[in-house]
Each structure stands twice: as structure tokens, then as C-alpha cells.
Amino acid sequence: MEFHQRLSAERKRLGMTQREFAEACGVKPPTQFLYEKGDRSPNAAYLSKAFRCGVNLAALFYGEEDLPAGSALPPAEIVKLYINCDQMCRDQEGRLLDLEERASLFKDLYIEQIVRINKMAS
């Protein structure tokens, strides 16, 4: 499942319409539609509000089915990774790169952070 599909699944899991979820996350319903279609990606402020609505950020970004047991990061760490990824994934003119490229980098950063934490715990 891709990010936009997991976003839609999380919203539905919470029992919210696109309109309700959009309002709770501070965006207009058409923007929410574009997020769930995969044509746009949300910013950190949106994700923070989504987390407060009950969204599982680890499942949203990485796909809970793909996470090794015990490898979830705290939500604050996930948001930091997302912000870092957002800053790294821009072309020379400052435009965001393709969503799939950003998602791939985010997964790499997430795994790198898990490895770092596991090494510190050892």
C-alpha cells in the first residue's frame, strides 16, 4: 500500500469522512481528496493534527504491516523525520520531488533511525 492509500485507510479506520478529517487537520476537503489520491502530500502541521485525531503515524508512513515488531518510533520522532525528508526532497528551484521518491527516502531515514536507536540500546 502506498502513502496516500494508508492515509485514506487511517481516516476510514477513525470513522471520519474526508470533509471531517480535512477540517480536523486544518485543510479544505479538496486538499484532503488530493492527499488521498496521491497528487499532493501533507505538511508537518497537518500530520501533527492527524496524530491528535488518532492517526497511527508509523502505520501511515511505513505501513504497519511492513514494520518489524518493536520498531515503531515515537510520533515526535516521525514528524522530525518527515520534516527532514521534506527539506531534503527538493530540486534546485525548491520544488518538492515526486511523492514516491520522497516516500522512499522517508523509509530509508526511518530504518536508519531504528538502526541507530537499536545500536544505542545494545
C-alpha atoms as a PDB file:
ATOM      1  CA  MET A   1       0.000   0.000   0.000  1.00  0.00           C
ATOM      2  CA  GLU A   2       1.280   3.483  -0.814  1.00  0.00           C
ATOM      3  CA  PHE A   3       1.224   6.542   1.476  1.00  0.00           C
ATOM      4  CA  HIS A   4      -1.976   8.026   0.031  1.00  0.00           C
ATOM      5  CA  GLN A   5      -3.759   4.680   0.379  1.00  0.00           C
ATOM      6  CA  ARG A   6      -2.626   4.332   4.006  1.00  0.00           C
ATOM      7  CA  LEU A   7      -3.818   7.893   4.698  1.00  0.00           C
ATOM      8  CA  SER A   8      -7.262   7.031   3.366  1.00  0.00           C
ATOM      9  CA  ALA A   9      -7.293   3.775   5.350  1.00  0.00           C
ATOM     10  CA  GLU A  10      -6.356   5.583   8.587  1.00  0.00           C
ATOM     11  CA  ARG A  11      -9.105   8.158   8.070  1.00  0.00           C
ATOM     12  CA  LYS A  12     -11.641   5.403   7.450  1.00  0.00           C
ATOM     13  CA  ARG A  13     -10.374   3.452  10.472  1.00  0.00           C
ATOM     14  CA  LEU A  14     -11.183   6.530  12.543  1.00  0.00           C
ATOM     15  CA  GLY A  15     -14.690   6.616  11.061  1.00  0.00           C
ATOM     16  CA  MET A  16     -14.304  10.083   9.573  1.00  0.00           C
ATOM     17  CA  THR A  17     -15.407  11.455   6.221  1.00  0.00           C
ATOM     18  CA  GLN A  18     -12.915  13.310   4.058  1.00  0.00           C
ATOM     19  CA  ARG A  19     -14.657  16.552   4.993  1.00  0.00           C
ATOM     20  CA  GLU A  20     -14.490  15.848   8.758  1.00  0.00           C
ATOM     21  CA  PHE A  21     -10.873  14.769   8.573  1.00  0.00           C
ATOM     22  CA  ALA A  22      -9.901  17.748   6.422  1.00  0.00           C
ATOM     23  CA  GLU A  23     -11.474  20.172   8.902  1.00  0.00           C
ATOM     24  CA  ALA A  24      -9.809  18.430  11.862  1.00  0.00           C
ATOM     25  CA  CYS A  25      -6.432  18.640  10.117  1.00  0.00           C
ATOM     26  CA  GLY A  26      -6.798  22.263   9.018  1.00  0.00           C
ATOM     27  CA  VAL A  27      -7.178  21.791   5.261  1.00  0.00           C
ATOM     28  CA  LYS A  28     -10.029  22.140   2.783  1.00  0.00           C
ATOM     29  CA  PRO A  29     -11.834  18.982   1.594  1.00  0.00           C
ATOM     30  CA  PRO A  30     -10.399  19.244  -1.967  1.00  0.00           C
ATOM     31  CA  THR A  31      -6.892  19.229  -0.481  1.00  0.00           C
ATOM     32  CA  GLN A  32      -7.727  16.113   1.537  1.00  0.00           C
ATOM     33  CA  PHE A  33      -9.002  14.490  -1.650  1.00  0.00           C
ATOM     34  CA  LEU A  34      -5.691  15.283  -3.386  1.00  0.00           C
ATOM     35  CA  TYR A  35      -3.726  13.827  -0.465  1.00  0.00           C
ATOM     36  CA  GLU A  36      -5.722  10.614  -0.614  1.00  0.00           C
ATOM     37  CA  LYS A  37      -5.447  10.474  -4.402  1.00  0.00           C
ATOM     38  CA  GLY A  38      -1.660  10.792  -4.164  1.00  0.00           C
ATOM     39  CA  ASP A  39      -1.419  14.049  -6.115  1.00  0.00           C
ATOM     40  CA  ARG A  40      -0.201  16.125  -3.142  1.00  0.00           C
ATOM     41  CA  SER A  41       1.451  15.376   0.163  1.00  0.00           C
ATOM     42  CA  PRO A  42       0.701  16.917   3.553  1.00  0.00           C
ATOM     43  CA  ASN A  43       2.991  19.098   5.624  1.00  0.00           C
ATOM     44  CA  ALA A  44       4.128  18.557   9.214  1.00  0.00           C
ATOM     45  CA  ALA A  45       1.354  20.752  10.696  1.00  0.00           C
ATOM     46  CA  TYR A  46      -1.261  18.563   9.006  1.00  0.00           C
ATOM     47  CA  LEU A  47       0.429  15.408  10.286  1.00  0.00           C
ATOM     48  CA  SER A  48       0.556  16.766  13.829  1.00  0.00           C
ATOM     49  CA  LYS A  49      -3.191  17.406  13.714  1.00  0.00           C
ATOM     50  CA  ALA A  50      -3.805  13.986  12.149  1.00  0.00           C
ATOM     51  CA  PHE A  51      -1.886  12.400  15.020  1.00  0.00           C
ATOM     52  CA  ARG A  52      -4.107  14.248  17.503  1.00  0.00           C
ATOM     53  CA  CYS A  53      -7.113  12.769  15.667  1.00  0.00           C
ATOM     54  CA  GLY A  54      -5.746   9.287  16.337  1.00  0.00           C
ATOM     55  CA  VAL A  55      -3.763   8.517  13.172  1.00  0.00           C
ATOM     56  CA  ASN A  56      -1.028   5.937  13.711  1.00  0.00           C
ATOM     57  CA  LEU A  57       1.916   7.782  12.155  1.00  0.00           C
ATOM     58  CA  ALA A  58       4.166   4.710  11.954  1.00  0.00           C
ATOM     59  CA  ALA A  59       1.479   2.844  10.026  1.00  0.00           C
ATOM     60  CA  LEU A  60       0.824   5.901   7.875  1.00  0.00           C
ATOM     61  CA  PHE A  61       4.425   6.434   6.832  1.00  0.00           C
ATOM     62  CA  TYR A  62       5.876   3.000   6.823  1.00  0.00           C
ATOM     63  CA  GLY A  63       2.918   0.655   6.675  1.00  0.00           C
ATOM     64  CA  GLU A  64       2.323  -1.199   9.905  1.00  0.00           C
ATOM     65  CA  GLU A  65       2.342  -4.499   8.047  1.00  0.00           C
ATOM     66  CA  ASP A  66       5.953  -3.790   6.991  1.00  0.00           C
ATOM     67  CA  LEU A  67       7.240  -2.784  10.427  1.00  0.00           C
ATOM     68  CA  PRO A  68       9.358  -5.278  12.328  1.00  0.00           C
ATOM     69  CA  ALA A  69       7.998  -5.927  15.822  1.00  0.00           C
ATOM     70  CA  GLY A  70       9.091  -3.285  18.336  1.00  0.00           C
ATOM     71  CA  SER A  71      10.434  -0.881  15.722  1.00  0.00           C
ATOM     72  CA  ALA A  72       7.912   1.941  15.977  1.00  0.00           C
ATOM     73  CA  LEU A  73       9.311   5.387  16.656  1.00  0.00           C
ATOM     74  CA  PRO A  74       7.564   7.904  18.904  1.00  0.00           C
ATOM     75  CA  PRO A  75       5.290  10.256  16.933  1.00  0.00           C
ATOM     76  CA  ALA A  76       7.544  13.258  17.605  1.00  0.00           C
ATOM     77  CA  GLU A  77      10.471  11.416  16.005  1.00  0.00           C
ATOM     78  CA  ILE A  78       8.361  10.503  12.985  1.00  0.00           C
ATOM     79  CA  VAL A  79       7.377  14.143  12.477  1.00  0.00           C
ATOM     80  CA  LYS A  80      11.060  15.183  12.717  1.00  0.00           C
ATOM     81  CA  LEU A  81      11.962  12.610  10.076  1.00  0.00           C
ATOM     82  CA  TYR A  82       9.148  13.866   7.859  1.00  0.00           C
ATOM     83  CA  ILE A  83      10.367  17.459   8.156  1.00  0.00           C
ATOM     84  CA  ASN A  84      13.945  16.385   7.360  1.00  0.00           C
ATOM     85  CA  CYS A  85      12.733  14.394   4.393  1.00  0.00           C
ATOM     86  CA  ASP A  86      10.649  17.337   3.164  1.00  0.00           C
ATOM     87  CA  GLN A  87      13.689  19.604   3.299  1.00  0.00           C
ATOM     88  CA  MET A  88      15.935  17.075   1.556  1.00  0.00           C
ATOM     89  CA  CYS A  89      13.485  16.257  -1.230  1.00  0.00           C
ATOM     90  CA  ARG A  90      13.536  19.480  -3.189  1.00  0.00           C
ATOM     91  CA  ASP A  91      15.039  20.317  -6.543  1.00  0.00           C
ATOM     92  CA  GLN A  92      17.280  23.332  -7.207  1.00  0.00           C
ATOM     93  CA  GLU A  93      14.251  25.611  -7.559  1.00  0.00           C
ATOM     94  CA  GLY A  94      12.858  24.470  -4.210  1.00  0.00           C
ATOM     95  CA  ARG A  95      10.030  22.336  -5.640  1.00  0.00           C
ATOM     96  CA  LEU A  96       9.208  19.031  -3.983  1.00  0.00           C
ATOM     97  CA  LEU A  97      10.335  15.886  -5.757  1.00  0.00           C
ATOM     98  CA  ASP A  98       7.936  13.146  -6.826  1.00  0.00           C
ATOM     99  CA  LEU A  99       5.888  11.652  -3.975  1.00  0.00           C
ATOM    100  CA  GLU A 100       7.291   8.150  -4.482  1.00  0.00           C
ATOM    101  CA  GLU A 101      10.869   9.461  -4.274  1.00  0.00           C
ATOM    102  CA  ARG A 102      10.010  11.243  -1.023  1.00  0.00           C
ATOM    103  CA  ALA A 103       8.292   8.154   0.396  1.00  0.00           C
ATOM    104  CA  SER A 104      11.311   6.024  -0.465  1.00  0.00           C
ATOM    105  CA  LEU A 105      13.685   8.461   1.243  1.00  0.00           C
ATOM    106  CA  PHE A 106      11.421   8.628   4.279  1.00  0.00           C
ATOM    107  CA  LYS A 107      11.503   4.825   4.626  1.00  0.00           C
ATOM    108  CA  ASP A 108      15.299   4.901   4.373  1.00  0.00           C
ATOM    109  CA  LEU A 109      15.522   7.604   7.064  1.00  0.00           C
ATOM    110  CA  TYR A 110      13.078   5.681   9.268  1.00  0.00           C
ATOM    111  CA  ILE A 111      15.108   2.468   9.038  1.00  0.00           C
ATOM    112  CA  GLU A 112      18.326   4.395   9.637  1.00  0.00           C
ATOM    113  CA  GLN A 113      16.832   5.890  12.813  1.00  0.00           C
ATOM    114  CA  ILE A 114      15.662   2.462  14.052  1.00  0.00           C
ATOM    115  CA  VAL A 115      19.140   1.019  13.454  1.00  0.00           C
ATOM    116  CA  ARG A 116      20.717   3.958  15.302  1.00  0.00           C
ATOM    117  CA  ILE A 117      18.381   3.501  18.291  1.00  0.00           C
ATOM    118  CA  ASN A 118      18.991  -0.255  18.399  1.00  0.00           C
ATOM    119  CA  LYS A 119      22.784   0.281  18.363  1.00  0.00           C
ATOM    120  CA  MET A 120      22.497   2.752  21.249  1.00  0.00           C
ATOM    121  CA  ALA A 121      20.384   0.291  23.227  1.00  0.00           C
ATOM    122  CA  SER A 122      22.918  -2.534  22.742  1.00  0.00           C
END
